[in-house]
Protein backbone atom coordinates (compact mmCIF):
# COMPACT_ATOMS: atom_id res chain seq x y z
CA UNK A 1 -0.09 -0.03 0.05
CA UNK A 2 0.68 3.55 0.14
CA UNK A 3 3.06 3.58 3.55
CA UNK A 4 5.35 1.05 1.75
CA UNK A 5 5.65 3.60 -1.23
CA UNK A 6 7.35 6.11 1.08
CA UNK A 7 10.37 3.87 1.14
CA UNK A 8 11.17 4.73 -2.35
CA UNK A 9 8.78 7.85 -2.85
CA UNK A 10 7.81 6.24 -6.26
CA UNK A 11 4.70 5.38 -8.17
CA UNK A 12 4.29 1.73 -8.90
CA UNK A 13 4.47 0.49 -12.67
CA UNK A 14 0.79 0.24 -13.93
CA UNK A 15 -0.38 -2.38 -16.48
CA UNK A 16 -1.55 -1.55 -19.99
CA UNK A 17 -0.72 2.06 -19.70
CA UNK A 18 -3.27 2.47 -16.87
CA UNK A 19 -2.98 5.68 -14.93
CA UNK A 20 -1.41 5.33 -11.56
CA UNK A 21 -3.48 6.01 -8.39
CA UNK A 22 -3.83 10.03 -8.36
CA UNK A 23 -4.46 9.72 -4.51
CA UNK A 24 -1.13 8.02 -3.91
CA UNK A 25 0.66 10.70 -5.88
CA UNK A 26 -0.97 13.20 -3.55
CA UNK A 27 0.07 11.00 -0.58
CA UNK A 28 3.65 11.02 -1.41
CA UNK A 29 3.57 14.63 -2.19
CA UNK A 30 2.45 15.29 1.27
CA UNK A 31 5.07 13.23 2.61
CA UNK A 32 7.60 15.23 0.89
CA UNK A 33 6.07 18.64 1.39
CA UNK A 34 8.61 19.31 4.27
CA UNK A 35 11.16 19.52 1.35
CA UNK A 36 9.55 22.70 0.42
CA UNK A 37 9.41 24.59 3.73
CA UNK A 38 11.17 27.74 4.60
CA UNK A 39 14.97 27.87 5.16
CA UNK A 40 14.93 27.75 8.99
CA UNK A 41 12.10 25.21 9.15
CA UNK A 42 13.99 23.01 6.64
CA UNK A 43 17.10 23.30 8.79
CA UNK A 44 15.03 21.99 11.63
CA UNK A 45 13.98 19.09 9.55
CA UNK A 46 17.35 18.36 8.57
CA UNK A 47 18.45 18.20 12.01
CA UNK A 48 15.73 16.07 13.15
CA UNK A 49 16.69 13.61 10.36
CA UNK A 50 20.54 13.86 11.48
CA UNK A 51 19.35 13.00 15.26
CA UNK A 52 17.31 10.28 14.07
CA UNK A 53 20.46 8.64 12.30
CA UNK A 54 22.90 9.70 15.25
CA UNK A 55 24.26 5.75 15.33
CA UNK A 56 26.13 6.76 12.27
CA UNK A 57 29.49 8.55 12.47
CA UNK A 58 29.38 12.15 10.69
CA UNK A 59 31.18 10.63 7.54
CA UNK A 60 28.91 7.87 7.12
CA UNK A 61 25.74 10.06 7.53
CA UNK A 62 26.85 12.77 5.41
CA UNK A 63 27.88 10.51 2.61
CA UNK A 64 24.55 8.29 2.76
CA UNK A 65 22.36 11.56 3.05
CA UNK A 66 24.05 13.15 0.07
CA UNK A 67 23.39 9.95 -2.00
CA UNK A 68 19.78 9.97 -1.00
CA UNK A 69 19.35 13.81 -1.71
CA UNK A 70 20.90 13.46 -4.88
CA UNK A 71 18.69 10.83 -6.15
CA UNK A 72 15.90 13.25 -5.47
CA UNK A 73 17.72 15.88 -7.50
CA UNK A 74 18.24 13.32 -10.25
CA UNK A 75 14.38 13.12 -10.74
CA UNK A 76 12.61 15.06 -13.40
CA UNK A 77 10.00 15.90 -10.73
CA UNK A 78 10.32 15.58 -7.07
CA UNK A 79 6.22 15.96 -6.62
CA UNK A 80 3.76 13.90 -8.65
CA UNK A 81 0.92 16.20 -8.79
CA UNK A 82 0.75 19.35 -11.03
CA UNK A 83 -0.23 21.24 -7.89
CA UNK A 84 2.63 20.52 -5.74
CA UNK A 85 4.94 20.54 -8.75
CA UNK A 86 4.24 23.90 -9.78
CA UNK A 87 3.97 25.52 -6.32
CA UNK A 88 7.02 23.83 -4.44
CA UNK A 89 9.28 22.12 -6.76
CA UNK A 90 11.75 25.10 -6.71
CA UNK A 91 12.01 26.01 -3.04
CA UNK A 92 12.46 21.96 -2.32
CA UNK A 93 15.11 21.58 -5.13
CA UNK A 94 16.77 24.85 -3.43
CA UNK A 95 16.62 23.47 0.28
CA UNK A 96 17.82 20.04 -1.19
CA UNK A 97 20.99 21.68 -2.83
CA UNK A 98 21.52 24.01 0.30
CA UNK A 99 21.56 20.79 2.59
CA UNK A 100 24.03 18.93 0.19
CA UNK A 101 26.51 21.79 0.28
CA UNK A 102 26.32 21.73 4.09
CA UNK A 103 26.70 17.95 4.12
CA UNK A 104 29.71 17.94 1.73
CA UNK A 105 31.49 20.67 4.37
CA UNK A 106 30.66 18.14 6.97
CA UNK A 107 31.89 15.38 5.10
CA UNK A 108 35.33 17.19 4.27
CA UNK A 109 35.44 18.14 8.02
CA UNK A 110 34.87 14.36 9.15
CA UNK A 111 37.65 13.30 6.69
CA UNK A 112 40.16 16.03 7.87
CA UNK A 113 39.60 15.05 11.56
CA UNK A 114 40.53 11.20 10.89
């Protein structure tokens, strides 16, 4: 179901060219809405994610998080619905890019202290 799709944030392949479930698209868009918040609020979210993965070293965390964030940037669209895409895509991409830059600094700092 829907919850399992939050692991990959992708829509399932449909058979015979059928349209994917539009409700699932909105569900995933709402799950990724946090990516489009203002800079300060996004920073709090990023810190909460770091806290959740505190069992990883800074180097491991930064490398893994950069990989995940780059996978989002590699998509043609972050959001599935036109509404979210038009309104929030630019802000979300800006937040992701800013977080990647911060993580890259953290990764360099972690490797220098090793």
